[in-house]
Amino acid sequence: MTDAAVGGALPPDVHKKMVALAAQALGMMPPEQVPPALRRAAAFAPARRAKLAGSQLAAALESDEEFRTRLAVHVKALVPQLVSAVEQGPPVPSVGAVDTAAAAYLVRPAGWEGVVESVRNADRGRRDPAEESSDKVQRLTAALSNARTEVKVVRERLRHQLDSVKADNAQLRRTLGTVRQQLRSVEAAAANADQLVQDARRDAMAATRAAEAETRRLRSRITELEGQLAASRRANRDARDSETMRLRLLLDTLVGAAAGLRRELALAPADVLPADTVAAVEPATATATGNVGRGLLDDDPTLLRHLLELPRVHLIVDGYNVSKSAWPSTPLDQQRARLTSRVAALVAGKRVETTLVFDGAELLDPPSVTAPRGIRVRFSPAGVIADDLIRDLVANEPAGRPVVVVSSDRELAQSVADRGARAVASSALIGALGR
């Protein structure tokens, strides 16, 4: 036998007692556990609650098992002795059988169907068909009232949902209107931008055409001026050639007249000048640099400046001998770069041939050095020291050419002096460079 079948066929007395007991327990439940259809009736007195909402309460107990289970907890607290008797399963007494069956239906312990069935069997023998029909009408009336309540609740819920949908629809309509307005604004801005682009394009094309016309005019003017310049050059060249021809003709005439006069007078070539007829002692032969700065010391920067004024002088610098004396704590690559740039500035505009020699005897590959224009940088070959390379450079110069060697190495200075070069101390170049 199912719960629905038992509940739907409760005897009238059991149904009435069950509704009264459930109405009392309903007032003890928390509001959030009460179904929405019964929350208003939960505020009534128990007797009024059973009278006005009995049918809804019975229908809720039949359809909502969770609600019946929660209500059973409060029924146990309301009639603990009766519930205990039902749970222990004693025979149903003749007195209080209706109360026992009502409590058994609400609490539903093991064997509660038998308790309800015993009361139904006892009641079935003393009831007539008219009462059965009346009970059935009451049940149907209660079911109809419960259905109407449910329909009312559903209708209220649907009305709220409809109001929400209408509000959302209104909001969407407003949003759609705003979006359409923004779209019209964007379309107007796009049309304005297109017009501006077209205007700018027309202006650019007009400016381009004007620039092309001006370019053609200037090219025509340039061609005209180039023709005038070429004609002017041809006229100047013709005039210069004519003048040169006249001057050369005059010069040839004078040379011919002088030659004719010499032949006429029979003059011999003059080998002796007037000064050669004066008795005097000729000086000893000296090199081009031998008489320069005789009163100056070898470490005097003024001596070096005088020597650099000689025509076609060749300046040879012992690189590391100078740079290590001037900047001893600086790395070698920076010493080379600094010495090269300073020497280039010193000889600039003087037409001095300048060679900087660095020791490369122990190097596998010569370092990279960026030499300024007019400065020659050389490294001695592997196994050859810089002093020997300087001696070879001096020996390779023709006799009589002024050669200046800058080095503080006494042996090197003496050897290049024997070859006709002028030796100057490194300190003289350092002083001329200004550190």
Protein backbone atom coordinates (compact mmCIF):
# COMPACT_ATOMS: atom_id res chain seq x y z
CA MET A 1 0.00 0.00 0.00
CA THR A 2 1.47 3.36 -1.03
CA ASP A 3 1.51 6.57 0.99
CA ALA A 4 -0.75 8.33 -1.47
CA ALA A 5 -3.31 5.57 -1.37
CA VAL A 6 -3.41 5.53 2.42
CA GLY A 7 -3.54 9.32 2.71
CA GLY A 8 -6.22 9.62 0.08
CA ALA A 9 -8.53 7.16 1.95
CA LEU A 10 -8.15 8.30 5.56
CA PRO A 11 -11.27 7.89 7.59
CA PRO A 12 -13.01 11.21 8.30
CA ASP A 13 -12.28 11.14 12.01
CA VAL A 14 -8.60 10.31 11.41
CA HIS A 15 -8.37 12.98 8.68
CA LYS A 16 -9.92 15.60 10.97
CA LYS A 17 -7.63 14.68 13.89
CA MET A 18 -4.61 14.62 11.57
CA VAL A 19 -5.42 18.12 10.27
CA ALA A 20 -5.85 19.45 13.82
CA LEU A 21 -2.58 17.90 14.98
CA ALA A 22 -0.73 19.15 11.89
CA ALA A 23 -2.20 22.65 12.38
CA GLN A 24 -0.79 22.73 15.94
CA ALA A 25 2.66 21.54 14.77
CA LEU A 26 2.65 24.04 11.86
CA GLY A 27 2.79 26.97 14.29
CA MET A 28 6.00 25.53 15.77
CA MET A 29 7.89 25.37 12.41
CA PRO A 30 10.35 28.12 11.27
CA PRO A 31 8.83 30.37 8.57
CA GLU A 32 11.39 29.38 5.93
CA GLN A 33 10.33 25.69 6.24
CA VAL A 34 6.63 26.44 5.67
CA PRO A 35 5.40 26.16 2.02
CA PRO A 36 4.41 29.52 0.46
CA ALA A 37 0.70 28.53 0.30
CA LEU A 38 0.59 27.98 4.10
CA ARG A 39 2.75 30.86 5.35
CA ARG A 40 -0.20 33.21 5.77
CA ALA A 41 -2.22 30.55 7.65
CA ALA A 42 0.77 29.82 9.91
CA ALA A 43 0.09 33.13 11.67
CA PHE A 44 -3.48 32.08 12.67
CA ALA A 45 -4.52 30.31 15.90
CA PRO A 46 -4.36 26.47 15.66
CA ALA A 47 -8.19 26.01 15.57
CA ARG A 48 -8.64 28.73 12.95
CA ARG A 49 -5.68 27.43 11.03
CA ALA A 50 -7.24 23.92 10.88
CA LYS A 51 -10.61 25.36 9.85
CA LEU A 52 -9.44 27.77 7.13
CA ALA A 53 -6.38 26.00 5.74
CA GLY A 54 -7.08 22.36 6.58
CA SER A 55 -7.52 21.29 3.00
CA GLN A 56 -4.33 23.06 1.85
CA LEU A 57 -2.44 21.54 4.79
CA ALA A 58 -3.70 18.00 3.97
CA ALA A 59 -2.84 18.44 0.29
CA ALA A 60 0.66 19.70 1.17
CA LEU A 61 1.24 16.69 3.43
CA GLU A 62 0.23 14.33 0.60
CA SER A 63 2.35 16.02 -2.10
CA ASP A 64 5.41 17.36 -0.20
CA GLU A 65 7.30 14.56 1.59
CA GLU A 66 10.03 16.94 2.79
CA PHE A 67 7.47 19.21 4.44
CA ARG A 68 5.77 16.19 6.11
CA THR A 69 9.14 14.97 7.45
CA ARG A 70 9.93 18.38 8.97
CA LEU A 71 6.41 18.63 10.42
CA ALA A 72 6.76 15.13 11.97
CA VAL A 73 9.64 16.42 14.13
CA HIS A 74 7.33 18.97 15.76
CA VAL A 75 4.50 16.39 16.05
CA LYS A 76 6.85 14.18 18.07
CA ALA A 77 7.55 17.11 20.39
CA LEU A 78 3.81 17.88 20.64
CA VAL A 79 2.53 14.35 21.52
CA PRO A 80 5.64 12.38 22.57
CA GLN A 81 3.76 9.61 24.47
CA LEU A 82 1.43 8.87 21.59
CA VAL A 83 4.28 8.81 19.06
CA SER A 84 6.33 6.58 21.34
CA ALA A 85 3.44 4.13 21.63
CA VAL A 86 3.07 4.06 17.85
CA GLU A 87 6.81 3.53 17.29
CA GLN A 88 6.95 0.68 19.84
CA GLY A 89 4.09 -1.06 18.00
CA PRO A 90 1.61 -2.03 20.80
CA PRO A 91 -1.91 -3.11 19.84
CA VAL A 92 -4.07 -0.10 19.00
CA PRO A 93 -6.48 0.40 21.91
CA SER A 94 -10.13 0.96 21.22
CA VAL A 95 -10.00 4.30 23.00
CA GLY A 96 -7.68 6.81 21.25
CA ALA A 97 -7.42 4.79 18.03
CA VAL A 98 -8.20 7.89 15.95
CA ASP A 99 -5.44 9.95 17.66
CA THR A 100 -3.02 7.05 17.24
CA ALA A 101 -3.84 6.70 13.54
CA ALA A 102 -3.48 10.48 12.97
CA ALA A 103 -0.07 10.53 14.71
CA ALA A 104 1.00 7.38 12.81
CA TYR A 105 0.08 9.03 9.47
CA LEU A 106 2.09 12.16 10.27
CA VAL A 107 5.17 10.47 11.81
CA ARG A 108 5.02 7.28 9.70
CA PRO A 109 7.14 4.88 11.73
CA ALA A 110 7.51 1.22 10.73
CA GLY A 111 4.05 -0.43 10.51
CA TRP A 112 2.07 2.82 10.45
CA GLU A 113 0.00 1.58 7.50
CA GLY A 114 -1.43 -1.19 9.67
CA VAL A 115 -2.49 1.29 12.35
CA VAL A 116 -4.35 3.42 9.82
CA GLU A 117 -5.87 0.33 8.14
CA SER A 118 -7.20 -1.02 11.44
CA VAL A 119 -9.03 2.22 12.13
CA ARG A 120 -10.37 2.25 8.55
CA ASN A 121 -11.67 -1.32 8.91
CA ALA A 122 -13.30 -0.50 12.21
CA ASP A 123 -14.91 2.60 10.72
CA ARG A 124 -15.96 0.88 7.51
CA GLY A 125 -18.56 -1.34 9.27
CA ARG A 126 -20.48 1.59 10.78
CA ARG A 127 -20.49 4.02 7.92
CA ASP A 128 -23.19 4.29 5.24
CA PRO A 129 -22.72 5.18 1.56
CA ALA A 130 -23.96 8.72 2.11
CA GLU A 131 -21.14 9.44 4.52
CA GLU A 132 -18.66 7.91 2.07
CA SER A 133 -19.93 10.24 -0.65
CA SER A 134 -19.77 13.19 1.74
CA ASP A 135 -16.17 12.35 2.63
CA LYS A 136 -15.29 12.00 -1.02
CA VAL A 137 -16.87 15.37 -1.77
CA GLN A 138 -14.89 16.94 1.09
CA ARG A 139 -11.67 15.45 -0.22
CA LEU A 140 -12.40 16.60 -3.73
CA THR A 141 -13.30 20.05 -2.41
CA ALA A 142 -10.03 20.20 -0.48
CA ALA A 143 -8.10 19.07 -3.55
CA LEU A 144 -9.87 21.71 -5.67
CA SER A 145 -9.10 24.41 -3.08
CA ASN A 146 -5.44 23.33 -2.99
CA ALA A 147 -5.30 23.34 -6.80
CA ARG A 148 -6.77 26.84 -6.89
CA THR A 149 -4.19 27.98 -4.34
CA GLU A 150 -1.40 26.46 -6.41
CA VAL A 151 -2.80 28.11 -9.55
CA LYS A 152 -2.92 31.44 -7.72
CA VAL A 153 0.71 31.05 -6.59
CA VAL A 154 1.81 30.06 -10.11
CA ARG A 155 -0.19 32.96 -11.57
CA GLU A 156 1.46 35.38 -9.12
CA ARG A 157 4.89 33.99 -9.97
CA LEU A 158 4.19 34.27 -13.70
CA ARG A 159 2.93 37.83 -13.23
CA HIS A 160 6.19 38.74 -11.49
CA GLN A 161 8.16 37.06 -14.29
CA LEU A 162 6.06 38.93 -16.87
CA ASP A 163 6.75 42.24 -15.10
CA SER A 164 10.47 41.40 -15.09
CA VAL A 165 10.36 40.51 -18.79
CA LYS A 166 8.50 43.74 -19.55
CA ALA A 167 11.11 45.74 -17.57
CA ASP A 168 13.92 43.95 -19.41
CA ASN A 169 12.14 44.60 -22.71
CA ALA A 170 11.82 48.30 -21.90
CA GLN A 171 15.50 48.44 -20.93
CA LEU A 172 16.43 46.67 -24.16
CA ARG A 173 14.30 49.13 -26.14
CA ARG A 174 16.05 52.06 -24.46
CA THR A 175 19.45 50.47 -25.09
CA LEU A 176 18.48 49.81 -28.71
CA GLY A 177 17.45 53.44 -29.11
CA THR A 178 20.77 54.60 -27.63
CA VAL A 179 22.71 52.25 -29.89
CA ARG A 180 20.78 53.41 -32.94
CA GLN A 181 21.48 57.04 -32.05
CA GLN A 182 25.18 56.27 -31.58
CA LEU A 183 25.17 54.39 -34.89
CA ARG A 184 23.66 57.40 -36.65
CA SER A 185 26.31 59.63 -35.05
CA VAL A 186 29.08 57.25 -36.17
CA GLU A 187 27.66 57.10 -39.69
CA ALA A 188 27.49 60.91 -39.82
CA ALA A 189 31.09 61.15 -38.56
CA ALA A 190 32.18 58.56 -41.13
CA ALA A 191 30.49 60.50 -43.91
CA ASN A 192 32.16 63.70 -42.69
CA ALA A 193 35.51 61.93 -42.56
CA ASP A 194 35.02 60.62 -46.10
CA GLN A 195 34.25 64.16 -47.28
CA LEU A 196 37.35 65.48 -45.52
CA VAL A 197 39.46 62.74 -47.11
CA GLN A 198 38.09 63.57 -50.55
CA ASP A 199 38.75 67.29 -50.01
CA ALA A 200 42.29 66.55 -48.80
CA ARG A 201 42.85 64.27 -51.79
CA ARG A 202 41.71 66.99 -54.21
CA ASP A 203 43.94 69.55 -52.49
CA ALA A 204 46.89 67.13 -52.59
CA MET A 205 46.33 66.42 -56.29
CA ALA A 206 46.12 70.15 -57.03
CA ALA A 207 49.30 70.78 -55.04
CA THR A 208 51.02 67.89 -56.84
CA ARG A 209 50.04 69.28 -60.23
CA ALA A 210 51.28 72.74 -59.21
CA ALA A 211 54.57 71.25 -57.94
CA GLU A 212 55.03 69.28 -61.17
CA ALA A 213 54.41 72.41 -63.22
CA GLU A 214 56.92 74.35 -61.10
CA THR A 215 59.41 71.50 -61.46
CA ARG A 216 59.06 71.56 -65.23
CA ARG A 217 59.53 75.32 -65.24
CA LEU A 218 62.65 75.08 -63.06
CA ARG A 219 64.08 72.28 -65.21
CA SER A 220 63.55 74.41 -68.30
CA ARG A 221 65.24 77.33 -66.56
CA ILE A 222 68.14 75.09 -65.50
CA THR A 223 68.56 73.85 -69.07
CA GLU A 224 68.57 77.44 -70.29
CA LEU A 225 71.13 78.51 -67.67
CA GLU A 226 73.30 75.48 -68.44
CA GLY A 227 73.27 76.48 -72.12
CA GLN A 228 74.21 80.05 -71.20
CA LEU A 229 77.00 78.78 -68.92
CA ALA A 230 78.36 76.51 -71.63
CA ALA A 231 78.31 79.38 -74.12
CA SER A 232 80.04 81.65 -71.60
CA ARG A 233 82.71 79.01 -70.93
CA ARG A 234 83.31 78.56 -74.64
CA ALA A 235 83.64 82.35 -75.07
CA ASN A 236 86.04 82.60 -72.11
CA ARG A 237 88.09 79.67 -73.39
CA ASP A 238 88.29 81.19 -76.85
CA ALA A 239 89.34 84.57 -75.39
CA ARG A 240 91.93 82.88 -73.12
CA ASP A 241 93.33 80.86 -75.99
CA SER A 242 93.57 84.02 -78.09
CA GLU A 243 95.36 85.91 -75.27
CA THR A 244 97.70 82.96 -74.64
CA MET A 245 98.53 82.82 -78.31
CA ARG A 246 99.40 86.54 -78.37
CA LEU A 247 101.54 86.27 -75.20
CA ARG A 248 103.36 83.24 -76.51
CA LEU A 249 104.02 84.97 -79.80
CA LEU A 250 105.43 87.94 -77.87
CA LEU A 251 107.56 85.63 -75.69
CA ASP A 252 108.88 83.79 -78.73
CA THR A 253 109.74 87.12 -80.30
CA LEU A 254 111.67 88.23 -77.17
CA VAL A 255 113.48 84.89 -76.86
CA GLY A 256 114.43 85.03 -80.52
CA ALA A 257 115.65 88.60 -80.17
CA ALA A 258 117.78 87.68 -77.09
CA ALA A 259 119.25 84.67 -78.86
CA GLY A 260 120.01 86.79 -81.89
CA LEU A 261 121.63 89.45 -79.70
CA ARG A 262 123.80 86.80 -77.93
CA ARG A 263 124.92 85.43 -81.27
CA GLU A 264 125.55 88.95 -82.54
CA LEU A 265 127.70 89.80 -79.52
CA ALA A 266 129.28 86.32 -79.29
CA LEU A 267 128.79 86.14 -75.44
CA ALA A 268 130.04 83.02 -73.56
CA PRO A 269 127.97 81.42 -70.74
CA ALA A 270 128.65 82.94 -67.28
CA ASP A 271 130.04 80.29 -64.86
CA VAL A 272 131.30 82.67 -62.16
CA LEU A 273 129.14 84.98 -60.07
CA PRO A 274 130.37 88.22 -58.52
CA ALA A 275 130.35 86.83 -55.01
CA ASP A 276 132.61 83.99 -56.04
CA THR A 277 135.42 86.49 -56.75
CA VAL A 278 135.64 87.55 -53.08
CA ALA A 279 138.34 85.72 -51.07
CA ALA A 280 136.86 83.82 -48.11
CA VAL A 281 136.89 80.40 -46.30
CA GLU A 282 133.96 78.08 -47.19
CA PRO A 283 132.19 76.33 -44.27
CA ALA A 284 132.02 72.56 -43.74
CA THR A 285 129.12 70.66 -45.36
CA ALA A 286 126.12 70.15 -43.02
CA THR A 287 122.79 68.31 -43.26
CA ALA A 288 119.47 70.12 -43.70
CA THR A 289 118.61 69.69 -40.00
CA GLY A 290 122.13 70.18 -38.61
CA ASN A 291 121.98 73.96 -38.12
CA VAL A 292 118.39 74.20 -36.86
CA GLY A 293 118.03 74.93 -33.14
CA ARG A 294 121.68 74.59 -32.20
CA GLY A 295 121.08 76.63 -29.07
CA LEU A 296 118.11 74.50 -27.92
CA LEU A 297 118.14 71.26 -25.89
CA ASP A 298 116.88 68.00 -27.38
CA ASP A 299 113.92 67.89 -24.92
CA ASP A 300 112.76 71.45 -25.72
CA PRO A 301 109.35 71.52 -27.50
CA THR A 302 110.48 74.69 -29.32
CA LEU A 303 113.23 72.71 -31.07
CA LEU A 304 110.64 70.24 -32.38
CA ARG A 305 108.40 73.04 -33.65
CA HIS A 306 111.35 74.62 -35.53
CA LEU A 307 112.26 71.28 -37.10
CA LEU A 308 108.68 70.74 -38.28
CA GLU A 309 108.88 74.02 -40.21
CA LEU A 310 111.56 72.58 -42.54
CA PRO A 311 110.35 71.84 -46.08
CA ARG A 312 109.54 68.19 -46.85
CA VAL A 313 110.59 67.06 -43.36
CA HIS A 314 109.86 63.44 -42.34
CA LEU A 315 108.83 62.99 -38.68
CA ILE A 316 109.37 59.46 -37.27
CA VAL A 317 107.99 58.78 -33.75
CA ASP A 318 108.99 55.87 -31.49
CA GLY A 319 105.33 55.21 -30.48
CA TYR A 320 105.47 53.29 -27.20
CA ASN A 321 108.55 55.24 -26.04
CA VAL A 322 106.43 58.41 -26.16
CA SER A 323 103.01 57.07 -25.08
CA LYS A 324 104.31 55.12 -22.06
CA SER A 325 106.10 58.23 -20.87
CA ALA A 326 103.02 60.44 -21.33
CA TRP A 327 100.23 58.10 -20.15
CA PRO A 328 101.84 55.17 -18.27
CA SER A 329 98.63 53.92 -16.58
CA THR A 330 96.48 53.93 -19.74
CA PRO A 331 95.87 50.70 -21.73
CA LEU A 332 98.02 50.31 -24.85
CA ASP A 333 95.12 50.60 -27.31
CA GLN A 334 94.08 53.92 -25.73
CA GLN A 335 97.75 55.09 -25.74
CA ARG A 336 97.99 54.40 -29.49
CA ALA A 337 94.70 56.15 -30.25
CA ARG A 338 95.54 59.19 -28.12
CA LEU A 339 99.09 59.57 -29.51
CA THR A 340 97.87 59.23 -33.12
CA SER A 341 95.15 61.86 -32.75
CA ARG A 342 97.44 64.31 -30.89
CA VAL A 343 100.28 64.02 -33.43
CA ALA A 344 97.78 64.46 -36.29
CA ALA A 345 96.58 67.69 -34.70
CA LEU A 346 100.20 68.89 -34.22
CA VAL A 347 101.24 68.43 -37.87
CA ALA A 348 97.93 69.47 -39.42
CA GLY A 349 98.43 71.96 -42.27
CA LYS A 350 102.27 71.76 -42.20
CA ARG A 351 102.77 69.19 -45.00
CA VAL A 352 104.92 67.04 -42.73
CA GLU A 353 105.30 63.37 -43.58
CA THR A 354 104.63 61.56 -40.29
CA THR A 355 105.26 57.91 -39.39
CA LEU A 356 104.37 56.37 -36.00
CA VAL A 357 106.25 53.13 -35.27
CA PHE A 358 105.04 50.67 -32.58
CA ASP A 359 106.75 47.52 -31.37
CA GLY A 360 105.08 44.39 -32.80
CA ALA A 361 107.89 41.87 -32.38
CA GLU A 362 105.82 39.63 -30.04
CA LEU A 363 102.44 40.03 -31.80
CA LEU A 364 100.93 37.35 -33.98
CA ASP A 365 98.55 39.81 -35.66
CA PRO A 366 98.89 43.62 -35.61
CA PRO A 367 96.16 45.48 -33.66
CA SER A 368 93.52 47.55 -35.46
CA VAL A 369 94.34 51.29 -35.45
CA THR A 370 92.33 54.01 -37.19
CA ALA A 371 94.94 56.49 -38.49
CA PRO A 372 93.91 60.05 -39.39
CA ARG A 373 94.59 61.33 -42.88
CA GLY A 374 98.28 62.08 -43.46
CA ILE A 375 99.49 59.86 -40.57
CA ARG A 376 101.27 56.57 -41.28
CA VAL A 377 101.10 53.91 -38.51
CA ARG A 378 103.40 50.88 -38.69
CA PHE A 379 104.17 47.89 -36.43
CA SER A 380 107.53 46.14 -36.55
CA PRO A 381 107.41 42.61 -38.07
CA ALA A 382 107.53 39.49 -35.90
CA GLY A 383 110.95 39.13 -34.31
CA VAL A 384 111.96 42.70 -35.22
CA ILE A 385 111.94 45.48 -32.61
CA ALA A 386 110.67 48.99 -33.32
CA ASP A 387 114.20 50.50 -33.06
CA ASP A 388 115.42 48.40 -36.00
CA LEU A 389 112.39 49.41 -38.09
CA ILE A 390 113.11 53.11 -37.33
CA ARG A 391 116.74 52.65 -38.40
CA ASP A 392 115.57 51.07 -41.68
CA LEU A 393 113.21 53.99 -42.31
CA VAL A 394 116.02 56.52 -41.76
CA ALA A 395 118.43 54.56 -43.93
CA ASN A 396 115.88 54.41 -46.72
CA GLU A 397 115.63 58.24 -46.96
CA PRO A 398 117.76 60.03 -49.62
CA ALA A 399 120.78 61.98 -48.44
CA GLY A 400 120.02 65.60 -47.65
CA ARG A 401 116.30 65.17 -46.78
CA PRO A 402 115.42 66.48 -43.28
CA VAL A 403 114.45 63.55 -41.01
CA VAL A 404 113.45 63.99 -37.33
CA VAL A 405 113.29 60.95 -34.98
CA VAL A 406 111.49 61.31 -31.63
CA SER A 407 112.76 58.83 -29.03
CA SER A 408 114.42 58.89 -25.60
CA ASP A 409 116.42 55.74 -26.41
CA ARG A 410 120.05 57.01 -26.44
CA GLU A 411 121.33 54.11 -28.55
CA LEU A 412 118.63 54.68 -31.16
CA ALA A 413 119.22 58.45 -31.13
CA GLN A 414 122.95 57.97 -31.71
CA SER A 415 122.46 55.45 -34.55
CA VAL A 416 119.96 57.66 -36.47
CA ALA A 417 122.19 60.71 -35.95
CA ASP A 418 125.03 58.79 -37.60
CA ARG A 419 122.73 58.30 -40.59
CA GLY A 420 122.04 62.08 -40.90
CA ALA A 421 118.73 62.32 -38.97
CA ARG A 422 118.03 64.70 -36.08
CA ALA A 423 117.12 62.97 -32.79
CA VAL A 424 114.69 64.68 -30.39
CA ALA A 425 113.73 63.45 -26.90
CA SER A 426 110.23 62.10 -26.24
CA SER A 427 109.61 64.82 -23.65
CA ALA A 428 109.92 67.47 -26.41
CA LEU A 429 107.01 65.88 -28.36
CA ILE A 430 104.98 65.42 -25.15
CA GLY A 431 105.47 69.10 -24.33
CA ALA A 432 104.45 70.09 -27.86
CA LEU A 433 101.32 67.91 -27.62
CA GLY A 434 100.33 69.49 -24.30
CA ARG A 435 99.75 66.10 -22.62
